Protein backbone atom coordinates (compact mmCIF):
# COMPACT_ATOMS: atom_id res chain seq x y z
CA UNK A 1 0.05 0.02 0.01
CA UNK A 2 1.30 3.48 -0.83
CA UNK A 3 1.40 6.21 1.77
CA UNK A 4 1.86 10.07 1.44
CA UNK A 5 3.79 12.38 3.74
CA UNK A 6 4.21 16.13 3.42
CA UNK A 7 7.66 17.70 3.71
CA UNK A 8 8.56 21.37 3.41
CA UNK A 9 9.56 20.90 -0.16
CA UNK A 10 6.48 18.87 -1.31
CA UNK A 11 4.51 15.62 -0.84
CA UNK A 12 6.30 12.23 -1.12
CA UNK A 13 4.79 8.83 -1.78
CA UNK A 14 6.31 5.83 0.07
CA UNK A 15 5.31 2.34 0.65
CA UNK A 16 3.58 0.67 3.66
CA UNK A 17 4.04 -2.99 4.26
CA UNK A 18 3.72 -5.10 7.43
CA UNK A 19 3.29 -2.04 9.68
CA UNK A 20 6.40 -0.26 8.36
CA UNK A 21 6.40 2.80 6.08
CA UNK A 22 9.43 3.24 3.82
CA UNK A 23 10.49 6.34 2.00
CA UNK A 24 13.61 6.07 -0.22
CA UNK A 25 15.75 8.65 -1.93
CA UNK A 26 14.13 11.78 -0.57
CA UNK A 27 16.29 14.79 -1.64
CA UNK A 28 17.49 16.98 1.16
CA UNK A 29 19.68 19.21 -0.93
CA UNK A 30 20.14 20.21 -4.52
CA UNK A 31 22.21 18.00 -6.86
CA UNK A 32 25.89 18.97 -6.02
CA UNK A 33 26.98 19.49 -9.75
CA UNK A 34 27.06 22.12 -12.34
CA UNK A 35 26.86 25.42 -10.51
CA UNK A 36 26.80 23.57 -7.15
CA UNK A 37 29.99 21.49 -7.83
CA UNK A 38 32.51 21.71 -4.97
CA UNK A 39 30.15 24.08 -3.14
CA UNK A 40 28.25 23.97 0.14
CA UNK A 41 24.88 22.08 -0.22
CA UNK A 42 22.15 24.24 -1.76
CA UNK A 43 18.40 24.12 -0.91
CA UNK A 44 16.10 21.62 -2.77
CA UNK A 45 13.81 23.18 -5.31
CA UNK A 46 10.16 22.49 -4.17
CA UNK A 47 8.06 20.28 -6.36
CA UNK A 48 4.40 20.25 -7.41
CA UNK A 49 2.13 17.23 -6.87
CA UNK A 50 3.32 14.09 -5.17
CA UNK A 51 6.91 12.68 -5.67
CA UNK A 52 7.41 8.93 -5.71
CA UNK A 53 10.13 7.83 -3.38
CA UNK A 54 9.70 4.11 -3.73
CA UNK A 55 13.27 3.16 -4.66
CA UNK A 56 16.70 4.11 -3.51
CA UNK A 57 18.04 7.29 -4.97
CA UNK A 58 21.44 7.86 -6.70
CA UNK A 59 24.64 7.36 -4.71
CA UNK A 60 27.54 9.72 -4.47
CA UNK A 61 30.18 9.06 -7.15
CA UNK A 62 32.63 6.33 -6.08
CA UNK A 63 34.37 3.22 -7.03
CA UNK A 64 33.87 -0.22 -5.42
CA UNK A 65 36.08 -1.46 -2.55
CA UNK A 66 39.28 -2.95 -3.93
CA UNK A 67 39.52 -6.73 -3.91
CA UNK A 68 38.98 -8.82 -1.74
CA UNK A 69 36.98 -6.29 0.41
CA UNK A 70 34.59 -5.90 -2.56
CA UNK A 71 33.31 -9.54 -1.83
CA UNK A 72 32.90 -8.87 1.88
CA UNK A 73 31.34 -5.41 1.78
CA UNK A 74 29.03 -5.05 -1.32
CA UNK A 75 28.88 -1.34 -2.30
CA UNK A 76 26.10 -0.68 -4.79
CA UNK A 77 26.26 2.38 -7.05
CA UNK A 78 23.23 4.05 -8.55
CA UNK A 79 23.90 6.64 -11.18
CA UNK A 80 22.39 10.11 -11.09
CA UNK A 81 23.17 13.68 -9.97
CA UNK A 82 20.52 13.84 -7.23
CA UNK A 83 22.75 11.99 -4.77
CA UNK A 84 22.07 14.16 -1.72
CA UNK A 85 19.20 12.09 -0.52
CA UNK A 86 18.07 10.21 2.51
CA UNK A 87 15.88 7.27 3.38
CA UNK A 88 13.20 7.00 6.12
CA UNK A 89 11.69 3.95 7.81
CA UNK A 90 8.87 4.63 10.29
CA UNK A 91 5.95 2.82 11.87
CA UNK A 92 3.74 5.99 11.81
CA UNK A 93 3.26 8.78 9.37
CA UNK A 94 1.87 12.04 10.59
CA UNK A 95 2.42 14.06 13.79
CA UNK A 96 4.13 11.76 16.34
CA UNK A 97 6.80 11.84 19.06
CA UNK A 98 8.93 8.63 18.26
CA UNK A 99 12.59 8.67 18.90
CA UNK A 100 14.72 9.31 15.77
CA UNK A 101 18.04 7.73 14.76
CA UNK A 102 20.03 9.18 11.90
CA UNK A 103 22.54 6.69 10.41
CA UNK A 104 25.76 7.99 8.83
CA UNK A 105 27.47 5.26 6.90
CA UNK A 106 31.21 4.53 6.76
CA UNK A 107 33.68 3.83 4.03
CA UNK A 108 36.86 5.92 4.68
CA UNK A 109 34.99 9.00 3.38
CA UNK A 110 35.36 7.62 -0.17
CA UNK A 111 33.17 4.49 -0.25
CA UNK A 112 29.76 3.25 0.95
CA UNK A 113 26.32 4.58 0.71
CA UNK A 114 23.06 4.67 2.72
CA UNK A 115 21.60 2.23 0.15
CA UNK A 116 23.22 -1.00 1.43
CA UNK A 117 20.68 -3.75 2.25
CA UNK A 118 22.58 -4.02 5.60
CA UNK A 119 21.37 -0.63 6.65
CA UNK A 120 17.59 -1.53 6.20
CA UNK A 121 15.90 0.29 9.03
CA UNK A 122 12.83 -1.92 9.22
CA UNK A 123 13.90 -3.50 12.57
CA UNK A 124 14.26 0.00 14.25
CA UNK A 125 10.82 1.05 12.81
CA UNK A 126 9.38 -2.26 14.08
CA UNK A 127 10.56 -1.38 17.57
CA UNK A 128 9.15 2.18 17.66
CA UNK A 129 12.22 4.24 16.28
CA UNK A 130 12.20 6.35 13.12
CA UNK A 131 15.41 5.45 11.23
CA UNK A 132 16.91 7.89 8.66
CA UNK A 133 19.99 7.05 6.67
CA UNK A 134 21.96 9.66 4.68
CA UNK A 135 23.89 9.75 1.49
CA UNK A 136 26.59 12.47 1.36
CA UNK A 137 29.39 13.43 -0.98
CA UNK A 138 32.52 11.23 -0.85
CA UNK A 139 36.10 11.40 -1.91
CA UNK A 140 37.37 14.42 -3.70
CA UNK A 141 33.85 15.71 -4.35
CA UNK A 142 33.09 15.84 -0.57
CA UNK A 143 36.41 16.03 1.18
CA UNK A 144 38.97 17.18 -1.37
CA UNK A 145 40.71 20.37 -0.04
CA UNK A 146 40.95 23.23 -2.51
CA UNK A 147 41.86 26.95 -2.08
CA UNK A 148 38.82 28.05 -4.02
CA UNK A 149 36.12 25.82 -2.42
CA UNK A 150 34.67 25.35 1.09
CA UNK A 151 36.25 22.35 2.99
CA UNK A 152 34.40 19.49 4.65
CA UNK A 153 31.60 19.63 2.04
CA UNK A 154 30.52 15.95 2.87
CA UNK A 155 30.15 17.16 6.48
CA UNK A 156 28.15 20.19 5.35
CA UNK A 157 25.90 17.61 3.55
CA UNK A 158 25.39 15.70 6.86
CA UNK A 159 24.44 18.90 8.55
CA UNK A 160 21.94 19.76 5.82
CA UNK A 161 20.40 16.31 6.30
CA UNK A 162 20.10 16.90 10.02
CA UNK A 163 18.43 20.29 9.31
CA UNK A 164 15.96 18.39 7.02
CA UNK A 165 15.31 16.02 9.90
CA UNK A 166 14.70 18.85 12.28
CA UNK A 167 12.21 20.48 9.89
CA UNK A 168 10.44 17.44 8.51
CA UNK A 169 10.73 14.36 10.64
CA UNK A 170 7.56 15.04 12.66
CA UNK A 171 5.53 14.32 9.43
CA UNK A 172 7.14 10.91 9.58
CA UNK A 173 6.10 10.31 13.27
CA UNK A 174 9.40 11.37 14.68
CA UNK A 175 10.30 13.76 17.52
CA UNK A 176 12.80 16.49 16.35
CA UNK A 177 13.63 17.00 20.05
CA UNK A 178 14.81 13.37 20.40
CA UNK A 179 17.37 12.69 17.67
CA UNK A 180 20.31 10.28 17.96
CA UNK A 181 23.02 10.27 15.34
CA UNK A 182 24.81 7.03 14.85
CA UNK A 183 27.51 5.83 12.54
CA UNK A 184 30.40 3.39 12.05
CA UNK A 185 33.99 4.08 11.00
CA UNK A 186 34.06 7.25 8.87
CA UNK A 187 30.51 7.81 9.91
CA UNK A 188 31.54 7.82 13.55
CA UNK A 189 34.53 10.08 12.83
CA UNK A 190 31.94 12.47 11.06
CA UNK A 191 29.72 12.41 14.16
CA UNK A 192 32.69 13.23 16.34
CA UNK A 193 33.18 16.29 14.20
CA UNK A 194 29.53 17.17 14.18
CA UNK A 195 29.59 17.14 17.89
CA UNK A 196 31.95 20.15 17.76
CA UNK A 197 30.47 21.96 14.78
CA UNK A 198 28.60 25.17 15.43
CA UNK A 199 26.42 24.43 12.34
CA UNK A 200 25.17 21.13 13.91
CA UNK A 201 24.38 22.69 17.35
CA UNK A 202 21.01 21.67 18.52
CA UNK A 203 20.31 19.30 15.76
CA UNK A 204 20.80 16.05 17.73
CA UNK A 205 20.78 15.06 21.31
CA UNK A 206 22.61 11.74 21.61
CA UNK A 207 25.44 10.13 19.59
CA UNK A 208 26.61 6.59 18.96
CA UNK A 209 30.25 6.22 17.70
CA UNK A 210 30.89 2.72 16.42
CA UNK A 211 34.57 1.99 15.55
CA UNK A 212 35.54 5.56 14.79
CA UNK A 213 37.21 8.11 17.11
CA UNK A 214 37.47 11.90 16.81
CA UNK A 215 40.02 12.54 14.06
CA UNK A 216 40.86 15.78 12.11
CA UNK A 217 43.87 17.11 10.19
CA UNK A 218 45.11 20.48 9.25
CA UNK A 219 44.09 22.04 5.99
CA UNK A 220 47.71 21.63 4.71
CA UNK A 221 47.61 17.92 5.58
CA UNK A 222 44.23 17.44 4.15
CA UNK A 223 45.24 19.07 0.78
CA UNK A 224 47.86 16.41 0.04
CA UNK A 225 45.60 13.94 -1.65
CA UNK A 226 44.29 16.68 -4.08
CA UNK A 227 47.86 17.75 -4.88
CA UNK A 228 48.74 14.16 -5.76
CA UNK A 229 45.74 13.79 -7.98
CA UNK A 230 46.42 17.16 -9.61
CA UNK A 231 50.07 16.04 -10.37
CA UNK A 232 48.79 12.88 -12.00
CA UNK A 233 46.18 14.88 -14.04
CA UNK A 234 48.70 17.62 -14.93
CA UNK A 235 46.21 20.28 -13.83
CA UNK A 236 46.16 22.96 -11.03
CA UNK A 237 45.05 21.79 -7.63
CA UNK A 238 41.92 23.98 -7.69
CA UNK A 239 38.21 23.19 -7.73
CA UNK A 240 37.79 25.02 -10.91
CA UNK A 241 40.40 22.76 -12.74
CA UNK A 242 38.96 19.61 -11.15
CA UNK A 243 35.43 20.52 -12.13
CA UNK A 244 36.48 20.47 -15.79
CA UNK A 245 37.77 16.87 -15.61
CA UNK A 246 35.62 13.90 -16.77
CA UNK A 247 34.01 12.33 -13.63
CA UNK A 248 35.15 8.76 -14.51
CA UNK A 249 38.78 10.00 -15.01
CA UNK A 250 38.52 11.78 -11.78
CA UNK A 251 37.44 8.67 -9.97
CA UNK A 252 40.08 6.50 -11.61
CA UNK A 253 42.71 8.99 -10.57
CA UNK A 254 41.35 9.17 -7.05
CA UNK A 255 41.53 5.32 -6.86
CA UNK A 256 45.12 5.26 -8.14
CA UNK A 257 46.16 7.63 -5.34
CA UNK A 258 44.29 6.33 -2.30
CA UNK A 259 43.13 2.75 -2.92
CA UNK A 260 46.15 1.06 -1.30
CA UNK A 261 45.65 2.88 1.91
CA UNK A 262 43.49 1.85 4.89
CA UNK A 263 42.56 3.12 8.43
CA UNK A 264 45.00 0.80 10.08
CA UNK A 265 48.01 0.88 7.68
CA UNK A 266 47.58 4.54 6.76
CA UNK A 267 48.39 6.11 3.37
CA UNK A 268 46.84 8.84 1.28
CA UNK A 269 43.21 9.40 1.92
CA UNK A 270 40.46 12.01 2.73
CA UNK A 271 39.91 13.51 6.17
CA UNK A 272 37.80 16.02 7.93
CA UNK A 273 39.89 19.16 8.35
CA UNK A 274 39.99 21.87 10.94
CA UNK A 275 38.65 25.15 9.70
CA UNK A 276 37.25 28.36 11.26
CA UNK A 277 33.62 27.78 10.50
CA UNK A 278 32.68 24.12 10.36
CA UNK A 279 35.12 22.26 12.58
CA UNK A 280 36.82 24.54 15.09
CA UNK A 281 40.38 23.58 16.37
CA UNK A 282 39.48 23.20 20.14
CA UNK A 283 35.72 23.50 20.81
CA UNK A 284 34.03 22.27 23.95
CA UNK A 285 32.12 18.92 23.49
CA UNK A 286 28.31 19.45 23.84
CA UNK A 287 26.37 17.87 26.69
CA UNK A 288 24.98 14.89 24.83
CA UNK A 289 24.51 11.31 25.78
CA UNK A 290 27.35 9.16 24.22
CA UNK A 291 27.55 5.49 23.32
CA UNK A 292 31.14 4.51 22.28
CA UNK A 293 32.75 1.28 21.27
CA UNK A 294 34.67 -0.83 18.87
CA UNK A 295 35.27 -4.43 17.87
CA UNK A 296 37.87 -6.69 19.57
CA UNK A 297 39.84 -7.42 16.38
CA UNK A 298 39.19 -4.41 14.14
CA UNK A 299 42.46 -4.85 12.21
CA UNK A 300 41.59 -8.22 10.81
CA UNK A 301 39.23 -6.80 8.04
CA UNK A 302 42.39 -5.17 6.41
CA UNK A 303 45.10 -7.48 7.53
CA UNK A 304 43.55 -10.94 7.02
CA UNK A 305 41.67 -11.23 3.66
CA UNK A 306 44.54 -10.02 1.53
CA UNK A 307 47.25 -11.89 3.39
CA UNK A 308 48.97 -8.97 5.08
CA UNK A 309 48.90 -10.67 8.45
CA UNK A 310 51.05 -13.43 7.00
CA UNK A 311 53.49 -11.20 5.17
CA UNK A 312 54.56 -9.27 8.27
CA UNK A 313 57.78 -10.87 9.71
CA UNK A 314 59.43 -10.21 13.03
CA UNK A 315 61.72 -7.81 11.32
CA UNK A 316 58.90 -6.01 9.68
CA UNK A 317 57.09 -5.70 12.91
CA UNK A 318 60.25 -4.32 14.62
CA UNK A 319 60.72 -1.73 11.87
CA UNK A 320 57.01 -0.74 12.00
CA UNK A 321 57.31 -0.17 15.76
CA UNK A 322 60.36 1.86 15.32
CA UNK A 323 58.66 4.00 12.68
CA UNK A 324 55.69 4.86 14.86
CA UNK A 325 57.96 5.06 17.97
CA UNK A 326 56.34 2.40 20.04
CA UNK A 327 58.43 1.70 23.16
CA UNK A 328 59.93 -1.70 23.60
CA UNK A 329 58.12 -2.27 26.83
CA UNK A 330 54.79 -1.97 24.99
CA UNK A 331 55.89 -4.47 22.37
CA UNK A 332 57.04 -6.93 25.13
CA UNK A 333 53.62 -6.59 26.95
CA UNK A 334 51.63 -7.46 23.75
CA UNK A 335 54.01 -10.40 23.01
CA UNK A 336 53.74 -11.77 26.54
CA UNK A 337 49.92 -11.80 26.49
CA UNK A 338 49.85 -13.42 22.99
CA UNK A 339 52.68 -16.00 23.08
CA UNK A 340 51.31 -17.88 19.95
CA UNK A 341 50.36 -14.79 17.90
CA UNK A 342 51.91 -14.10 14.48
CA UNK A 343 53.89 -10.78 14.19
CA UNK A 344 51.20 -9.45 11.94
CA UNK A 345 48.56 -10.19 14.65
CA UNK A 346 50.57 -8.42 17.25
CA UNK A 347 50.94 -5.33 15.03
CA UNK A 348 47.26 -5.38 14.27
CA UNK A 349 46.31 -5.63 17.92
CA UNK A 350 48.48 -2.76 18.83
CA UNK A 351 47.19 -0.67 15.89
CA UNK A 352 43.55 -1.38 17.02
CA UNK A 353 44.28 -0.20 20.51
CA UNK A 354 46.42 2.83 19.37
CA UNK A 355 43.92 4.12 16.70
CA UNK A 356 40.49 3.03 18.08
CA UNK A 357 40.23 1.63 21.52
CA UNK A 358 42.57 4.09 23.13
CA UNK A 359 41.04 7.32 21.61
CA UNK A 360 37.60 6.21 22.43
CA UNK A 361 38.49 5.42 26.02
CA UNK A 362 40.09 8.94 26.27
CA UNK A 363 36.91 10.51 24.83
CA UNK A 364 34.89 8.66 27.58
CA UNK A 365 37.46 9.78 30.27
CA UNK A 366 37.03 13.31 29.16
CA UNK A 367 33.23 13.34 29.71
CA UNK A 368 32.19 10.41 31.97
CA UNK A 369 28.71 11.72 32.74
CA UNK A 370 26.11 10.14 30.51
CA UNK A 371 28.69 8.09 28.50
CA UNK A 372 28.52 4.36 27.89
CA UNK A 373 31.19 2.01 26.37
CA UNK A 374 30.93 -1.31 24.62
CA UNK A 375 33.13 -3.88 22.92
CA UNK A 376 32.00 -6.38 20.27
CA UNK A 377 33.85 -9.72 20.58
CA UNK A 378 31.87 -12.30 18.61
CA UNK A 379 34.25 -13.93 16.03
CA UNK A 380 33.14 -14.52 12.49
CA UNK A 381 34.32 -17.78 10.92
CA UNK A 382 34.39 -16.25 7.39
CA UNK A 383 38.05 -16.08 6.07
CA UNK A 384 39.35 -16.04 9.66
CA UNK A 385 37.93 -12.37 10.03
CA UNK A 386 37.26 -12.92 13.77
CA UNK A 387 35.73 -9.80 15.50
CA UNK A 388 36.70 -7.49 12.70
CA UNK A 389 35.84 -3.96 11.62
CA UNK A 390 32.17 -3.56 10.56
CA UNK A 391 31.13 -6.98 11.82
CA UNK A 392 28.79 -5.56 14.48
CA UNK A 393 26.56 -3.59 12.05
CA UNK A 394 24.31 -6.49 11.11
CA UNK A 395 23.73 -7.18 14.81
CA UNK A 396 22.91 -3.52 15.57
CA UNK A 397 20.34 -3.45 12.75
CA UNK A 398 19.06 -6.81 13.65
CA UNK A 399 19.56 -7.75 10.05
CA UNK A 400 21.83 -10.75 10.12
CA UNK A 401 20.71 -12.17 6.79
CA UNK A 402 22.00 -9.15 4.92
CA UNK A 403 25.27 -9.40 6.93
CA UNK A 404 26.17 -13.04 5.86
CA UNK A 405 29.04 -11.99 3.59
CA UNK A 406 30.86 -11.07 6.84
CA UNK A 407 29.16 -13.18 9.45
CA UNK A 408 28.54 -16.40 7.47
CA UNK A 409 25.31 -18.31 8.00
CA UNK A 410 24.03 -19.01 11.51
CA UNK A 411 25.25 -15.96 13.33
CA UNK A 412 23.70 -15.83 16.83
CA UNK A 413 20.34 -14.10 16.82
CA UNK A 414 20.27 -13.61 20.70
CA UNK A 415 23.32 -11.47 20.23
CA UNK A 416 21.62 -9.33 17.61
CA UNK A 417 18.59 -9.11 19.92
CA UNK A 418 20.76 -7.83 22.71
CA UNK A 419 22.69 -5.24 20.60
CA UNK A 420 19.64 -3.96 18.72
CA UNK A 421 17.78 -3.68 22.05
CA UNK A 422 20.61 -1.59 23.55
CA UNK A 423 20.68 0.81 20.63
CA UNK A 424 16.87 1.28 20.74
CA UNK A 425 16.90 1.79 24.46
CA UNK A 426 19.75 4.40 24.16
CA UNK A 427 17.90 6.29 21.47
CA UNK A 428 14.72 6.24 23.34
CA UNK A 429 16.01 7.05 26.92
CA UNK A 430 19.69 7.62 26.86
CA UNK A 431 20.24 4.39 28.90
CA UNK A 432 21.44 1.38 26.86
CA UNK A 433 21.15 -1.04 29.82
CA UNK A 434 24.45 -0.99 31.64
CA UNK A 435 26.38 1.35 33.91
CA UNK A 436 27.73 4.62 32.66
CA UNK A 437 31.42 5.37 32.50
CA UNK A 438 33.19 5.85 35.84
CA UNK A 439 36.31 5.13 37.65
CA UNK A 440 35.69 1.40 37.35
CA UNK A 441 35.63 1.72 33.55
CA UNK A 442 32.64 -0.62 32.85
CA UNK A 443 32.50 -2.01 29.32
CA UNK A 444 29.57 -3.91 27.97
CA UNK A 445 31.05 -6.94 26.12
CA UNK A 446 28.85 -8.34 23.32
CA UNK A 447 29.86 -11.92 22.74
CA UNK A 448 28.23 -15.33 22.09
CA UNK A 449 26.40 -16.80 23.90
CA UNK A 450 25.82 -13.84 26.21
CA UNK A 451 26.51 -10.19 26.67
CA UNK A 452 27.69 -8.67 30.03
CA UNK A 453 29.58 -5.83 31.57
CA UNK A 454 33.30 -6.22 32.30
CA UNK A 455 35.32 -3.78 34.37
CA UNK A 456 38.39 -2.39 32.55
CA UNK A 457 38.99 -5.21 30.09
CA UNK A 458 42.73 -5.56 29.19
CA UNK A 459 43.47 -2.51 31.27
CA UNK A 460 47.15 -3.04 31.31
CA UNK A 461 47.42 -3.02 27.52
CA UNK A 462 45.15 -0.05 27.18
CA UNK A 463 46.99 1.84 29.85
CA UNK A 464 50.07 2.15 27.83
CA UNK A 465 48.29 4.23 25.20
CA UNK A 466 46.32 6.41 27.58
């Protein structure tokens, strides 16, 4: 059955099935091309009549993940200029006061979209939450740093989507005064920046950061990728010059520059940069409820499928630790607690703690009031991925069937029930179901067959980074 909702730009027709209304591909900003290319998001032109929003809208220009990640994380692309769009799942259309969750996808700021089947918000709507997922500009279009264009354009897109939520979500049964932003990886890093952005002030009230800590770079550092692309293209490193390049050639050049980098190993990429207007250098964090966490073996998504974990020798490990200035006592501690681990596994464990678990714990320490911390530990049997990066998403969305590329068949439904229930409770009340952060450092450990709180897990290891 079709269902109609009224937004500030016009009426939209969605689909109602089994008690859930779905609206897909609603534009929240004008297409970011032609006169709007490399510019801040512009308002949507209102439309006459009723606009069908029955299918996913266009995705931001991107390339698939490189092999073998492309087999583990499907990344569908839909052509079209109108890529600044969002999706809504709700149990109730019309004036309402349901909690709202806004999902910001990951993908290193150059991959991903809100259109993945994994991000279907039906289970949240089933349980009384309005779920909104957002497409935003990626790669050089959204995060390339130019002297003649605003920076953090992808982040500005996210702010525009949150403004749309504030102004329109009540027509979809949601409460604009009870909005939780949630995201994984680059989505979580984006949320950490949104928490400090004057432009996002008042647009959300709680935040969930999954496997992504606060991270920004200077404008000079952020411009390096654009300069590398410009050198390959033999053009000036300006938005005007890049706008004249064929889109496919631009994506091919971007891939050639950044595709061998990853969040653990590093390399050229795209980042949120500090600037005067959107992301101040040292702003106070807002008073918002926080749910923070990461997966026990984040590194395995990048180190295991391509064989990196086996190519790292003891010498390679030693040189890597020297390069990043890790003290010998730290290396000895990790070796002592993992006597049978490969050198690549030891390096990956340290990288996970240094880049993810440590920063998230520091964030919790900086604002313990109304902050909750979790760790996801269930291990996937697929390709020896273990408790790798992104594995928790299917459990959070209670959507294990769509997550089988990562989880394999037969992933534990009770664990999905527990995680999904915690996220719903947090979005509804600010209380996910375990103690808030305090001097005892309580961490909810999600594992199979049960989930339960642990005080300061692996505190000795974590302590060397804090």
